[in-house]
Amino acid sequence: MKLFLILGAIQAMLAVMLGAFGAHALEAKLTARNMLSVYQTGVQYHMYHALALLAVGILLGKWPASALLTGAGWSFFIGILLFSGSLYALSNTGMKFFGPITPLGGVAFIVGWILLIIAVVKA
């Protein structure tokens, strides 16, 4: 069980990192993004991390006193607010002000996955 939880958390963390890489490093090489694709990215990461929150909730049923799991859950929630929320706002308003907020949410997602990995390793 631990092995697959750890592997899943590592892969999810890598997906966030690769998503950021694709959005920034490959932007000039790939077709231009439109606002619908920006919105869809927000929705996609929102759903992934909503599922991560559910997983944290299930795991907290097994390990209720885990501060690491609680931290992971809050990191995922904050990441959804900052990452997906800023992409929703950017796509609906076109205001570039929201763009710099998105990476902060990505960092919160990564922190959440790291905390989840540590919690599973220590369990």
PDB file of N, CA and C in Angstrom:
ATOM      1  N   MET A   1       0.817  -1.191   0.000  1.00  0.00           N
ATOM      2  CA  MET A   1       0.000   0.000   0.000  1.00  0.00           C
ATOM      3  C   MET A   1       0.861   1.256   0.000  1.00  0.00           C
ATOM      4  N   LYS A   2       1.859   1.301   0.882  1.00  0.00           N
ATOM      5  CA  LYS A   2       2.723   2.480   0.964  1.00  0.00           C
ATOM      6  C   LYS A   2       3.417   2.757  -0.359  1.00  0.00           C
ATOM      7  N   LEU A   3       3.907   1.714  -0.985  1.00  0.00           N
ATOM      8  CA  LEU A   3       4.650   1.889  -2.237  1.00  0.00           C
ATOM      9  C   LEU A   3       3.796   2.602  -3.278  1.00  0.00           C
ATOM     10  N   PHE A   4       2.562   2.177  -3.434  1.00  0.00           N
ATOM     11  CA  PHE A   4       1.718   2.784  -4.450  1.00  0.00           C
ATOM     12  C   PHE A   4       1.278   4.190  -4.073  1.00  0.00           C
ATOM     13  N   LEU A   5       1.078   4.442  -2.781  1.00  0.00           N
ATOM     14  CA  LEU A   5       0.770   5.803  -2.353  1.00  0.00           C
ATOM     15  C   LEU A   5       1.950   6.733  -2.614  1.00  0.00           C
ATOM     16  N   ILE A   6       3.148   6.262  -2.327  1.00  0.00           N
ATOM     17  CA  ILE A   6       4.348   7.067  -2.567  1.00  0.00           C
ATOM     18  C   ILE A   6       4.538   7.302  -4.060  1.00  0.00           C
ATOM     19  N   LEU A   7       4.401   6.244  -4.848  1.00  0.00           N
ATOM     20  CA  LEU A   7       4.565   6.388  -6.300  1.00  0.00           C
ATOM     21  C   LEU A   7       3.520   7.340  -6.878  1.00  0.00           C
ATOM     22  N   GLY A   8       2.281   7.208  -6.412  1.00  0.00           N
ATOM     23  CA  GLY A   8       1.230   8.099  -6.893  1.00  0.00           C
ATOM     24  C   GLY A   8       1.507   9.548  -6.542  1.00  0.00           C
ATOM     25  N   ALA A   9       1.959   9.786  -5.316  1.00  0.00           N
ATOM     26  CA  ALA A   9       2.255  11.158  -4.886  1.00  0.00           C
ATOM     27  C   ALA A   9       3.425  11.739  -5.665  1.00  0.00           C
ATOM     28  N   ILE A  10       4.448  10.932  -5.907  1.00  0.00           N
ATOM     29  CA  ILE A  10       5.599  11.402  -6.692  1.00  0.00           C
ATOM     30  C   ILE A  10       5.168  11.743  -8.113  1.00  0.00           C
ATOM     31  N   GLN A  11       4.348  10.888  -8.696  1.00  0.00           N
ATOM     32  CA  GLN A  11       3.902  11.136 -10.064  1.00  0.00           C
ATOM     33  C   GLN A  11       3.025  12.383 -10.150  1.00  0.00           C
ATOM     34  N   ALA A  12       2.172  12.587  -9.166  1.00  0.00           N
ATOM     35  CA  ALA A  12       1.340  13.786  -9.161  1.00  0.00           C
ATOM     36  C   ALA A  12       2.197  15.044  -9.031  1.00  0.00           C
ATOM     37  N   MET A  13       3.213  14.974  -8.157  1.00  0.00           N
ATOM     38  CA  MET A  13       4.125  16.105  -8.007  1.00  0.00           C
ATOM     39  C   MET A  13       4.837  16.384  -9.327  1.00  0.00           C
ATOM     40  N   LEU A  14       5.288  15.337  -9.994  1.00  0.00           N
ATOM     41  CA  LEU A  14       5.958  15.508 -11.283  1.00  0.00           C
ATOM     42  C   LEU A  14       5.013  16.080 -12.334  1.00  0.00           C
ATOM     43  N   ALA A  15       3.734  15.695 -12.281  1.00  0.00           N
ATOM     44  CA  ALA A  15       2.763  16.238 -13.233  1.00  0.00           C
ATOM     45  C   ALA A  15       2.634  17.752 -13.070  1.00  0.00           C
ATOM     46  N   VAL A  16       2.645  18.226 -11.825  1.00  0.00           N
ATOM     47  CA  VAL A  16       2.590  19.671 -11.590  1.00  0.00           C
ATOM     48  C   VAL A  16       3.841  20.333 -12.162  1.00  0.00           C
ATOM     49  N   MET A  17       4.998  19.741 -11.895  1.00  0.00           N
ATOM     50  CA  MET A  17       6.259  20.311 -12.387  1.00  0.00           C
ATOM     51  C   MET A  17       6.313  20.297 -13.914  1.00  0.00           C
ATOM     52  N   LEU A  18       5.907  19.194 -14.522  1.00  0.00           N
ATOM     53  CA  LEU A  18       5.923  19.097 -15.985  1.00  0.00           C
ATOM     54  C   LEU A  18       4.894  20.027 -16.619  1.00  0.00           C
ATOM     55  N   GLY A  19       3.754  20.203 -15.946  1.00  0.00           N
ATOM     56  CA  GLY A  19       2.763  21.156 -16.440  1.00  0.00           C
ATOM     57  C   GLY A  19       3.311  22.571 -16.459  1.00  0.00           C
ATOM     58  N   ALA A  20       4.041  22.924 -15.406  1.00  0.00           N
ATOM     59  CA  ALA A  20       4.668  24.255 -15.352  1.00  0.00           C
ATOM     60  C   ALA A  20       5.744  24.385 -16.429  1.00  0.00           C
ATOM     61  N   PHE A  21       6.535  23.333 -16.613  1.00  0.00           N
ATOM     62  CA  PHE A  21       7.570  23.340 -17.653  1.00  0.00           C
ATOM     63  C   PHE A  21       6.943  23.540 -19.027  1.00  0.00           C
ATOM     64  N   GLY A  22       5.885  22.809 -19.311  1.00  0.00           N
ATOM     65  CA  GLY A  22       5.224  22.925 -20.605  1.00  0.00           C
ATOM     66  C   GLY A  22       4.638  24.306 -20.830  1.00  0.00           C
ATOM     67  N   ALA A  23       4.071  24.878 -19.779  1.00  0.00           N
ATOM     68  CA  ALA A  23       3.451  26.191 -19.900  1.00  0.00           C
ATOM     69  C   ALA A  23       4.471  27.301 -20.118  1.00  0.00           C
ATOM     70  N   HIS A  24       5.690  27.106 -19.609  1.00  0.00           N
ATOM     71  CA  HIS A  24       6.681  28.176 -19.689  1.00  0.00           C
ATOM     72  C   HIS A  24       7.781  27.894 -20.707  1.00  0.00           C
ATOM     73  N   ALA A  25       8.442  26.790 -20.596  1.00  0.00           N
ATOM     74  CA  ALA A  25       9.592  26.500 -21.454  1.00  0.00           C
ATOM     75  C   ALA A  25       9.180  26.123 -22.875  1.00  0.00           C
ATOM     76  N   LEU A  26       8.027  25.507 -23.033  1.00  0.00           N
ATOM     77  CA  LEU A  26       7.609  25.056 -24.358  1.00  0.00           C
ATOM     78  C   LEU A  26       6.608  25.985 -25.024  1.00  0.00           C
ATOM     79  N   GLU A  27       6.248  27.054 -24.336  1.00  0.00           N
ATOM     80  CA  GLU A  27       5.212  27.956 -24.836  1.00  0.00           C
ATOM     81  C   GLU A  27       5.514  28.470 -26.241  1.00  0.00           C
ATOM     82  N   ALA A  28       6.741  28.875 -26.493  1.00  0.00           N
ATOM     83  CA  ALA A  28       7.102  29.434 -27.798  1.00  0.00           C
ATOM     84  C   ALA A  28       7.149  28.366 -28.888  1.00  0.00           C
ATOM     85  N   LYS A  29       7.375  27.123 -28.498  1.00  0.00           N
ATOM     86  CA  LYS A  29       7.511  26.049 -29.476  1.00  0.00           C
ATOM     87  C   LYS A  29       6.179  25.391 -29.823  1.00  0.00           C
ATOM     88  N   LEU A  30       5.206  25.541 -28.951  1.00  0.00           N
ATOM     89  CA  LEU A  30       3.898  24.940 -29.177  1.00  0.00           C
ATOM     90  C   LEU A  30       2.928  25.996 -29.686  1.00  0.00           C
ATOM     91  N   THR A  31       1.763  25.568 -30.132  1.00  0.00           N
ATOM     92  CA  THR A  31       0.786  26.518 -30.645  1.00  0.00           C
ATOM     93  C   THR A  31       0.361  27.485 -29.540  1.00  0.00           C
ATOM     94  N   ALA A  32      -0.030  28.663 -29.939  1.00  0.00           N
ATOM     95  CA  ALA A  32      -0.429  29.703 -28.983  1.00  0.00           C
ATOM     96  C   ALA A  32      -1.630  29.246 -28.160  1.00  0.00           C
ATOM     97  N   ARG A  33      -1.572  29.549 -26.859  1.00  0.00           N
ATOM     98  CA  ARG A  33      -2.677  29.196 -25.965  1.00  0.00           C
ATOM     99  C   ARG A  33      -3.752  30.263 -26.057  1.00  0.00           C
ATOM    100  N   ASN A  34      -4.991  29.842 -26.018  1.00  0.00           N
ATOM    101  CA  ASN A  34      -6.070  30.821 -25.928  1.00  0.00           C
ATOM    102  C   ASN A  34      -6.674  30.769 -24.531  1.00  0.00           C
ATOM    103  N   MET A  35      -7.566  31.638 -24.267  1.00  0.00           N
ATOM    104  CA  MET A  35      -8.109  31.741 -22.913  1.00  0.00           C
ATOM    105  C   MET A  35      -8.916  30.500 -22.517  1.00  0.00           C
ATOM    106  N   LEU A  36      -9.524  29.806 -23.468  1.00  0.00           N
ATOM    107  CA  LEU A  36     -10.249  28.589 -23.132  1.00  0.00           C
ATOM    108  C   LEU A  36      -9.294  27.517 -22.622  1.00  0.00           C
ATOM    109  N   SER A  37      -8.131  27.408 -23.230  1.00  0.00           N
ATOM    110  CA  SER A  37      -7.171  26.409 -22.754  1.00  0.00           C
ATOM    111  C   SER A  37      -6.619  26.791 -21.381  1.00  0.00           C
ATOM    112  N   VAL A  38      -6.490  28.078 -21.108  1.00  0.00           N
ATOM    113  CA  VAL A  38      -6.064  28.534 -19.776  1.00  0.00           C
ATOM    114  C   VAL A  38      -7.112  28.115 -18.745  1.00  0.00           C
ATOM    115  N   TYR A  39      -8.360  28.338 -19.082  1.00  0.00           N
ATOM    116  CA  TYR A  39      -9.446  27.953 -18.182  1.00  0.00           C
ATOM    117  C   TYR A  39      -9.460  26.436 -17.972  1.00  0.00           C
ATOM    118  N   GLN A  40      -9.295  25.685 -19.061  1.00  0.00           N
ATOM    119  CA  GLN A  40      -9.305  24.227 -18.968  1.00  0.00           C
ATOM    120  C   GLN A  40      -8.150  23.707 -18.105  1.00  0.00           C
ATOM    121  N   THR A  41      -7.015  24.359 -18.170  1.00  0.00           N
ATOM    122  CA  THR A  41      -5.894  23.974 -17.300  1.00  0.00           C
ATOM    123  C   THR A  41      -6.270  24.183 -15.838  1.00  0.00           C
ATOM    124  N   GLY A  42      -6.917  25.287 -15.537  1.00  0.00           N
ATOM    125  CA  GLY A  42      -7.371  25.538 -14.175  1.00  0.00           C
ATOM    126  C   GLY A  42      -8.321  24.456 -13.695  1.00  0.00           C
ATOM    127  N   VAL A  43      -9.243  24.072 -14.557  1.00  0.00           N
ATOM    128  CA  VAL A  43     -10.211  23.034 -14.202  1.00  0.00           C
ATOM    129  C   VAL A  43      -9.512  21.688 -13.994  1.00  0.00           C
ATOM    130  N   GLN A  44      -8.595  21.378 -14.880  1.00  0.00           N
ATOM    131  CA  GLN A  44      -7.881  20.097 -14.801  1.00  0.00           C
ATOM    132  C   GLN A  44      -7.125  19.959 -13.473  1.00  0.00           C
ATOM    133  N   TYR A  45      -6.335  20.957 -13.131  1.00  0.00           N
ATOM    134  CA  TYR A  45      -5.579  20.907 -11.878  1.00  0.00           C
ATOM    135  C   TYR A  45      -6.507  20.985 -10.661  1.00  0.00           C
ATOM    136  N   HIS A  46      -7.596  21.705 -10.818  1.00  0.00           N
ATOM    137  CA  HIS A  46      -8.577  21.790  -9.740  1.00  0.00           C
ATOM    138  C   HIS A  46      -9.102  20.388  -9.417  1.00  0.00           C
ATOM    139  N   MET A  47      -9.480  19.641 -10.451  1.00  0.00           N
ATOM    140  CA  MET A  47     -10.020  18.303 -10.231  1.00  0.00           C
ATOM    141  C   MET A  47      -8.963  17.359  -9.665  1.00  0.00           C
ATOM    142  N   TYR A  48      -7.765  17.399 -10.211  1.00  0.00           N
ATOM    143  CA  TYR A  48      -6.704  16.524  -9.697  1.00  0.00           C
ATOM    144  C   TYR A  48      -6.512  16.730  -8.198  1.00  0.00           C
ATOM    145  N   HIS A  49      -6.495  17.982  -7.799  1.00  0.00           N
ATOM    146  CA  HIS A  49      -6.193  18.279  -6.401  1.00  0.00           C
ATOM    147  C   HIS A  49      -7.423  18.177  -5.507  1.00  0.00           C
ATOM    148  N   ALA A  50      -8.599  18.241  -6.099  1.00  0.00           N
ATOM    149  CA  ALA A  50      -9.799  17.905  -5.346  1.00  0.00           C
ATOM    150  C   ALA A  50      -9.757  16.420  -4.981  1.00  0.00           C
ATOM    151  N   LEU A  51      -9.344  15.597  -5.922  1.00  0.00           N
ATOM    152  CA  LEU A  51      -9.200  14.165  -5.654  1.00  0.00           C
ATOM    153  C   LEU A  51      -8.099  13.926  -4.615  1.00  0.00           C
ATOM    154  N   ALA A  52      -7.029  14.723  -4.677  1.00  0.00           N
ATOM    155  CA  ALA A  52      -5.965  14.609  -3.675  1.00  0.00           C
ATOM    156  C   ALA A  52      -6.500  14.944  -2.288  1.00  0.00           C
ATOM    157  N   LEU A  53      -7.354  15.959  -2.209  1.00  0.00           N
ATOM    158  CA  LEU A  53      -7.966  16.297  -0.925  1.00  0.00           C
ATOM    159  C   LEU A  53      -8.822  15.141  -0.400  1.00  0.00           C
ATOM    160  N   LEU A  54      -9.537  14.488  -1.290  1.00  0.00           N
ATOM    161  CA  LEU A  54     -10.327  13.328  -0.883  1.00  0.00           C
ATOM    162  C   LEU A  54      -9.423  12.215  -0.358  1.00  0.00           C
ATOM    163  N   ALA A  55      -8.323  11.997  -1.049  1.00  0.00           N
ATOM    164  CA  ALA A  55      -7.370  10.969  -0.604  1.00  0.00           C
ATOM    165  C   ALA A  55      -6.810  11.314   0.780  1.00  0.00           C
ATOM    166  N   VAL A  56      -6.487  12.586   0.997  1.00  0.00           N
ATOM    167  CA  VAL A  56      -5.983  13.005   2.307  1.00  0.00           C
ATOM    168  C   VAL A  56      -7.046  12.750   3.368  1.00  0.00           C
ATOM    169  N   GLY A  57      -8.295  13.058   3.048  1.00  0.00           N
ATOM    170  CA  GLY A  57      -9.371  12.806   3.998  1.00  0.00           C
ATOM    171  C   GLY A  57      -9.496  11.332   4.346  1.00  0.00           C
ATOM    172  N   ILE A  58      -9.383  10.478   3.354  1.00  0.00           N
ATOM    173  CA  ILE A  58      -9.451   9.036   3.589  1.00  0.00           C
ATOM    174  C   ILE A  58      -8.268   8.580   4.437  1.00  0.00           C
ATOM    175  N   LEU A  59      -7.083   9.078   4.106  1.00  0.00           N
ATOM    176  CA  LEU A  59      -5.890   8.698   4.866  1.00  0.00           C
ATOM    177  C   LEU A  59      -5.944   9.206   6.310  1.00  0.00           C
ATOM    178  N   LEU A  60      -6.543  10.378   6.506  1.00  0.00           N
ATOM    179  CA  LEU A  60      -6.674  10.896   7.867  1.00  0.00           C
ATOM    180  C   LEU A  60      -7.598  10.010   8.712  1.00  0.00           C
ATOM    181  N   GLY A  61      -8.486   9.268   8.055  1.00  0.00           N
ATOM    182  CA  GLY A  61      -9.300   8.291   8.771  1.00  0.00           C
ATOM    183  C   GLY A  61      -8.456   7.156   9.316  1.00  0.00           C
ATOM    184  N   LYS A  62      -7.367   6.869   8.623  1.00  0.00           N
ATOM    185  CA  LYS A  62      -6.458   5.801   9.056  1.00  0.00           C
ATOM    186  C   LYS A  62      -5.394   6.335  10.022  1.00  0.00           C
ATOM    187  N   TRP A  63      -4.880   7.542   9.733  1.00  0.00           N
ATOM    188  CA  TRP A  63      -3.833   8.168  10.554  1.00  0.00           C
ATOM    189  C   TRP A  63      -4.338   9.536  11.033  1.00  0.00           C
ATOM    190  N   PRO A  64      -5.275   9.573  11.970  1.00  0.00           N
ATOM    191  CA  PRO A  64      -5.945  10.836  12.336  1.00  0.00           C
ATOM    192  C   PRO A  64      -5.041  11.896  12.950  1.00  0.00           C
ATOM    193  N   ALA A  65      -3.941  11.522  13.565  1.00  0.00           N
ATOM    194  CA  ALA A  65      -3.110  12.516  14.251  1.00  0.00           C
ATOM    195  C   ALA A  65      -1.968  13.025  13.378  1.00  0.00           C
ATOM    196  N   SER A  66      -2.064  12.863  12.077  1.00  0.00           N
ATOM    197  CA  SER A  66      -0.958  13.218  11.195  1.00  0.00           C
ATOM    198  C   SER A  66      -0.976  14.699  10.818  1.00  0.00           C
ATOM    199  N   ALA A  67      -0.052  15.457  11.398  1.00  0.00           N
ATOM    200  CA  ALA A  67       0.094  16.874  11.040  1.00  0.00           C
ATOM    201  C   ALA A  67       0.578  17.009   9.596  1.00  0.00           C
ATOM    202  N   LEU A  68       1.371  16.041   9.135  1.00  0.00           N
ATOM    203  CA  LEU A  68       1.856  16.079   7.754  1.00  0.00           C
ATOM    204  C   LEU A  68       0.699  15.952   6.765  1.00  0.00           C
ATOM    205  N   LEU A  69      -0.226  15.031   7.029  1.00  0.00           N
ATOM    206  CA  LEU A  69      -1.389  14.885   6.150  1.00  0.00           C
ATOM    207  C   LEU A  69      -2.266  16.126   6.198  1.00  0.00           C
ATOM    208  N   THR A  70      -2.457  16.670   7.388  1.00  0.00           N
ATOM    209  CA  THR A  70      -3.245  17.896   7.513  1.00  0.00           C
ATOM    210  C   THR A  70      -2.595  19.027   6.719  1.00  0.00           C
ATOM    211  N   GLY A  71      -1.265  19.142   6.813  1.00  0.00           N
ATOM    212  CA  GLY A  71      -0.542  20.152   6.035  1.00  0.00           C
ATOM    213  C   GLY A  71      -0.680  19.924   4.542  1.00  0.00           C
ATOM    214  N   ALA A  72      -0.652  18.661   4.124  1.00  0.00           N
ATOM    215  CA  ALA A  72      -0.835  18.345   2.706  1.00  0.00           C
ATOM    216  C   ALA A  72      -2.219  18.790   2.240  1.00  0.00           C
ATOM    217  N   GLY A  73      -3.228  18.504   3.052  1.00  0.00           N
ATOM    218  CA  GLY A  73      -4.588  18.896   2.688  1.00  0.00           C
ATOM    219  C   GLY A  73      -4.741  20.397   2.531  1.00  0.00           C
ATOM    220  N   TRP A  74      -4.199  21.155   3.485  1.00  0.00           N
ATOM    221  CA  TRP A  74      -4.270  22.623   3.389  1.00  0.00           C
ATOM    222  C   TRP A  74      -3.462  23.135   2.204  1.00  0.00           C
ATOM    223  N   SER A  75      -2.327  22.496   1.906  1.00  0.00           N
ATOM    224  CA  SER A  75      -1.516  22.908   0.747  1.00  0.00           C
ATOM    225  C   SER A  75      -2.275  22.684  -0.548  1.00  0.00           C
ATOM    226  N   PHE A  76      -2.952  21.537  -0.655  1.00  0.00           N
ATOM    227  CA  PHE A  76      -3.757  21.276  -1.854  1.00  0.00           C
ATOM    228  C   PHE A  76      -4.885  22.300  -1.985  1.00  0.00           C
ATOM    229  N   PHE A  77      -5.533  22.610  -0.871  1.00  0.00           N
ATOM    230  CA  PHE A  77      -6.641  23.571  -0.904  1.00  0.00           C
ATOM    231  C   PHE A  77      -6.157  24.964  -1.307  1.00  0.00           C
ATOM    232  N   ILE A  78      -5.065  25.418  -0.692  1.00  0.00           N
ATOM    233  CA  ILE A  78      -4.500  26.726  -1.033  1.00  0.00           C
ATOM    234  C   ILE A  78      -4.031  26.740  -2.488  1.00  0.00           C
ATOM    235  N   GLY A  79      -3.447  25.626  -2.928  1.00  0.00           N
ATOM    236  CA  GLY A  79      -3.027  25.524  -4.325  1.00  0.00           C
ATOM    237  C   GLY A  79      -4.194  25.663  -5.282  1.00  0.00           C
ATOM    238  N   ILE A  80      -5.316  25.031  -4.955  1.00  0.00           N
ATOM    239  CA  ILE A  80      -6.501  25.160  -5.810  1.00  0.00           C
ATOM    240  C   ILE A  80      -6.951  26.618  -5.870  1.00  0.00           C
ATOM    241  N   LEU A  81      -6.991  27.267  -4.708  1.00  0.00           N
ATOM    242  CA  LEU A  81      -7.420  28.674  -4.688  1.00  0.00           C
ATOM    243  C   LEU A  81      -6.500  29.551  -5.530  1.00  0.00           C
ATOM    244  N   LEU A  82      -5.186  29.404  -5.340  1.00  0.00           N
ATOM    245  CA  LEU A  82      -4.230  30.275  -6.029  1.00  0.00           C
ATOM    246  C   LEU A  82      -4.033  29.881  -7.495  1.00  0.00           C
ATOM    247  N   PHE A  83      -3.785  28.595  -7.752  1.00  0.00           N
ATOM    248  CA  PHE A  83      -3.489  28.146  -9.112  1.00  0.00           C
ATOM    249  C   PHE A  83      -4.739  28.209  -9.991  1.00  0.00           C
ATOM    250  N   SER A  84      -5.729  27.412  -9.632  1.00  0.00           N
ATOM    251  CA  SER A  84      -6.931  27.372 -10.466  1.00  0.00           C
ATOM    252  C   SER A  84      -7.684  28.698 -10.410  1.00  0.00           C
ATOM    253  N   GLY A  85      -7.774  29.275  -9.214  1.00  0.00           N
ATOM    254  CA  GLY A  85      -8.473  30.550  -9.099  1.00  0.00           C
ATOM    255  C   GLY A  85      -7.876  31.640  -9.966  1.00  0.00           C
ATOM    256  N   SER A  86      -6.545  31.723 -10.001  1.00  0.00           N
ATOM    257  CA  SER A  86      -5.909  32.755 -10.830  1.00  0.00           C
ATOM    258  C   SER A  86      -6.112  32.473 -12.320  1.00  0.00           C
ATOM    259  N   LEU A  87      -6.119  31.196 -12.712  1.00  0.00           N
ATOM    260  CA  LEU A  87      -6.368  30.869 -14.122  1.00  0.00           C
ATOM    261  C   LEU A  87      -7.817  31.151 -14.504  1.00  0.00           C
ATOM    262  N   TYR A  88      -8.738  30.889 -13.599  1.00  0.00           N
ATOM    263  CA  TYR A  88     -10.139  31.233 -13.862  1.00  0.00           C
ATOM    264  C   TYR A  88     -10.280  32.738 -14.050  1.00  0.00           C
ATOM    265  N   ALA A  89      -9.663  33.502 -13.150  1.00  0.00           N
ATOM    266  CA  ALA A  89      -9.752  34.965 -13.226  1.00  0.00           C
ATOM    267  C   ALA A  89      -9.074  35.493 -14.496  1.00  0.00           C
ATOM    268  N   LEU A  90      -7.892  34.964 -14.805  1.00  0.00           N
ATOM    269  CA  LEU A  90      -7.168  35.398 -16.007  1.00  0.00           C
ATOM    270  C   LEU A  90      -7.980  35.118 -17.261  1.00  0.00           C
ATOM    271  N   SER A  91      -8.527  33.912 -17.353  1.00  0.00           N
ATOM    272  CA  SER A  91      -9.250  33.535 -18.562  1.00  0.00           C
ATOM    273  C   SER A  91     -10.549  34.316 -18.737  1.00  0.00           C
ATOM    274  N   ASN A  92     -11.155  34.720 -17.632  1.00  0.00           N
ATOM    275  CA  ASN A  92     -12.422  35.437 -17.728  1.00  0.00           C
ATOM    276  C   ASN A  92     -12.275  36.944 -17.850  1.00  0.00           C
ATOM    277  N   THR A  93     -11.149  37.476 -17.387  1.00  0.00           N
ATOM    278  CA  THR A  93     -10.970  38.926 -17.441  1.00  0.00           C
ATOM    279  C   THR A  93      -9.896  39.354 -18.442  1.00  0.00           C
ATOM    280  N   GLY A  94      -8.952  38.460 -18.738  1.00  0.00           N
ATOM    281  CA  GLY A  94      -7.831  38.825 -19.604  1.00  0.00           C
ATOM    282  C   GLY A  94      -6.805  39.695 -18.903  1.00  0.00           C
ATOM    283  N   MET A  95      -6.993  39.941 -17.617  1.00  0.00           N
ATOM    284  CA  MET A  95      -6.077  40.801 -16.867  1.00  0.00           C
ATOM    285  C   MET A  95      -4.817  40.014 -16.513  1.00  0.00           C
ATOM    286  N   LYS A  96      -3.694  40.437 -17.027  1.00  0.00           N
ATOM    287  CA  LYS A  96      -2.420  39.748 -16.820  1.00  0.00           C
ATOM    288  C   LYS A  96      -1.960  39.781 -15.360  1.00  0.00           C
ATOM    289  N   PHE A  97      -2.571  40.622 -14.552  1.00  0.00           N
ATOM    290  CA  PHE A  97      -2.267  40.713 -13.127  1.00  0.00           C
ATOM    291  C   PHE A  97      -2.347  39.351 -12.444  1.00  0.00           C
ATOM    292  N   PHE A  98      -3.267  38.502 -12.894  1.00  0.00           N
ATOM    293  CA  PHE A  98      -3.486  37.205 -12.257  1.00  0.00           C
ATOM    294  C   PHE A  98      -2.416  36.175 -12.597  1.00  0.00           C
ATOM    295  N   GLY A  99      -1.681  36.376 -13.693  1.00  0.00           N
ATOM    296  CA  GLY A  99      -0.664  35.418 -14.128  1.00  0.00           C
ATOM    297  C   GLY A  99       0.400  35.091 -13.094  1.00  0.00           C
ATOM    298  N   PRO A 100       0.999  36.091 -12.436  1.00  0.00           N
ATOM    299  CA  PRO A 100       2.048  35.797 -11.452  1.00  0.00           C
ATOM    300  C   PRO A 100       1.555  35.064 -10.195  1.00  0.00           C
ATOM    301  N   ILE A 101       0.259  35.018  -9.967  1.00  0.00           N
ATOM    302  CA  ILE A 101      -0.277  34.310  -8.803  1.00  0.00           C
ATOM    303  C   ILE A 101      -0.252  32.794  -9.034  1.00  0.00           C
ATOM    304  N   THR A 102      -0.406  32.386 -10.285  1.00  0.00           N
ATOM    305  CA  THR A 102      -0.518  30.971 -10.631  1.00  0.00           C
ATOM    306  C   THR A 102       0.659  30.139 -10.126  1.00  0.00           C
ATOM    307  N   PRO A 103       1.924  30.556 -10.313  1.00  0.00           N
ATOM    308  CA  PRO A 103       3.034  29.730  -9.824  1.00  0.00           C
ATOM    309  C   PRO A 103       3.029  29.531  -8.314  1.00  0.00           C
ATOM    310  N   LEU A 104       2.484  30.480  -7.558  1.00  0.00           N
ATOM    311  CA  LEU A 104       2.389  30.305  -6.104  1.00  0.00           C
ATOM    312  C   LEU A 104       1.486  29.117  -5.779  1.00  0.00           C
ATOM    313  N   GLY A 105       0.418  28.979  -6.531  1.00  0.00           N
ATOM    314  CA  GLY A 105      -0.455  27.823  -6.362  1.00  0.00           C
ATOM    315  C   GLY A 105       0.246  26.529  -6.738  1.00  0.00           C
ATOM    316  N   GLY A 106       1.060  26.581  -7.806  1.00  0.00           N
ATOM    317  CA  GLY A 106       1.834  25.403  -8.202  1.00  0.00           C
ATOM    318  C   GLY A 106       2.799  24.979  -7.114  1.00  0.00           C
ATOM    319  N   VAL A 107       3.423  25.944  -6.471  1.00  0.00           N
ATOM    320  CA  VAL A 107       4.333  25.639  -5.360  1.00  0.00           C
ATOM    321  C   VAL A 107       3.547  25.002  -4.212  1.00  0.00           C
ATOM    322  N   ALA A 108       2.357  25.514  -3.926  1.00  0.00           N
ATOM    323  CA  ALA A 108       1.532  24.924  -2.866  1.00  0.00           C
ATOM    324  C   ALA A 108       1.168  23.480  -3.209  1.00  0.00           C
ATOM    325  N   PHE A 109       0.856  23.199  -4.471  1.00  0.00           N
ATOM    326  CA  PHE A 109       0.581  21.821  -4.889  1.00  0.00           C
ATOM    327  C   PHE A 109       1.795  20.930  -4.637  1.00  0.00           C
ATOM    328  N   ILE A 110       2.956  21.389  -5.052  1.00  0.00           N
ATOM    329  CA  ILE A 110       4.186  20.598  -4.886  1.00  0.00           C
ATOM    330  C   ILE A 110       4.459  20.348  -3.401  1.00  0.00           C
ATOM    331  N   VAL A 111       4.304  21.375  -2.573  1.00  0.00           N
ATOM    332  CA  VAL A 111       4.491  21.212  -1.123  1.00  0.00           C
ATOM    333  C   VAL A 111       3.517  20.165  -0.590  1.00  0.00           C
ATOM    334  N   GLY A 112       2.282  20.215  -1.051  1.00  0.00           N
ATOM    335  CA  GLY A 112       1.294  19.234  -0.617  1.00  0.00           C
ATOM    336  C   GLY A 112       1.710  17.817  -0.959  1.00  0.00           C
ATOM    337  N   TRP A 113       2.211  17.607  -2.168  1.00  0.00           N
ATOM    338  CA  TRP A 113       2.653  16.257  -2.561  1.00  0.00           C
ATOM    339  C   TRP A 113       3.860  15.822  -1.749  1.00  0.00           C
ATOM    340  N   ILE A 114       4.766  16.738  -1.480  1.00  0.00           N
ATOM    341  CA  ILE A 114       5.942  16.388  -0.653  1.00  0.00           C
ATOM    342  C   ILE A 114       5.497  15.991   0.755  1.00  0.00           C
ATOM    343  N   LEU A 115       4.586  16.762   1.345  1.00  0.00           N
ATOM    344  CA  LEU A 115       4.091  16.433   2.682  1.00  0.00           C
ATOM    345  C   LEU A 115       3.376  15.082   2.689  1.00  0.00           C
ATOM    346  N   LEU A 116       2.633  14.794   1.631  1.00  0.00           N
ATOM    347  CA  LEU A 116       1.951  13.509   1.537  1.00  0.00           C
ATOM    348  C   LEU A 116       2.962  12.358   1.453  1.00  0.00           C
ATOM    349  N   ILE A 117       3.999  12.539   0.665  1.00  0.00           N
ATOM    350  CA  ILE A 117       5.051  11.511   0.557  1.00  0.00           C
ATOM    351  C   ILE A 117       5.681  11.259   1.929  1.00  0.00           C
ATOM    352  N   ILE A 118       6.044  12.334   2.625  1.00  0.00           N
ATOM    353  CA  ILE A 118       6.678  12.191   3.941  1.00  0.00           C
ATOM    354  C   ILE A 118       5.724  11.503   4.927  1.00  0.00           C
ATOM    355  N   ALA A 119       4.436  11.883   4.884  1.00  0.00           N
ATOM    356  CA  ALA A 119       3.457  11.284   5.807  1.00  0.00           C
ATOM    357  C   ALA A 119       3.346   9.784   5.577  1.00  0.00           C
ATOM    358  N   VAL A 120       3.342   9.364   4.311  1.00  0.00           N
ATOM    359  CA  VAL A 120       3.216   7.942   4.005  1.00  0.00           C
ATOM    360  C   VAL A 120       4.488   7.202   4.399  1.00  0.00           C
ATOM    361  N   VAL A 121       5.641   7.787   4.144  1.00  0.00           N
ATOM    362  CA  VAL A 121       6.913   7.150   4.521  1.00  0.00           C
ATOM    363  C   VAL A 121       6.984   6.961   6.030  1.00  0.00           C
ATOM    364  N   LYS A 122       6.520   7.954   6.794  1.00  0.00           N
ATOM    365  CA  LYS A 122       6.616   7.881   8.261  1.00  0.00           C
ATOM    366  C   LYS A 122       5.527   7.025   8.890  1.00  0.00           C
ATOM    367  N   ALA A 123       4.481   6.699   8.152  1.00  0.00           N
ATOM    368  CA  ALA A 123       3.349   5.940   8.728  1.00  0.00           C
ATOM    369  C   ALA A 123       3.734   4.500   9.003  1.00  0.00           C
TER     370      ALA A 123
END
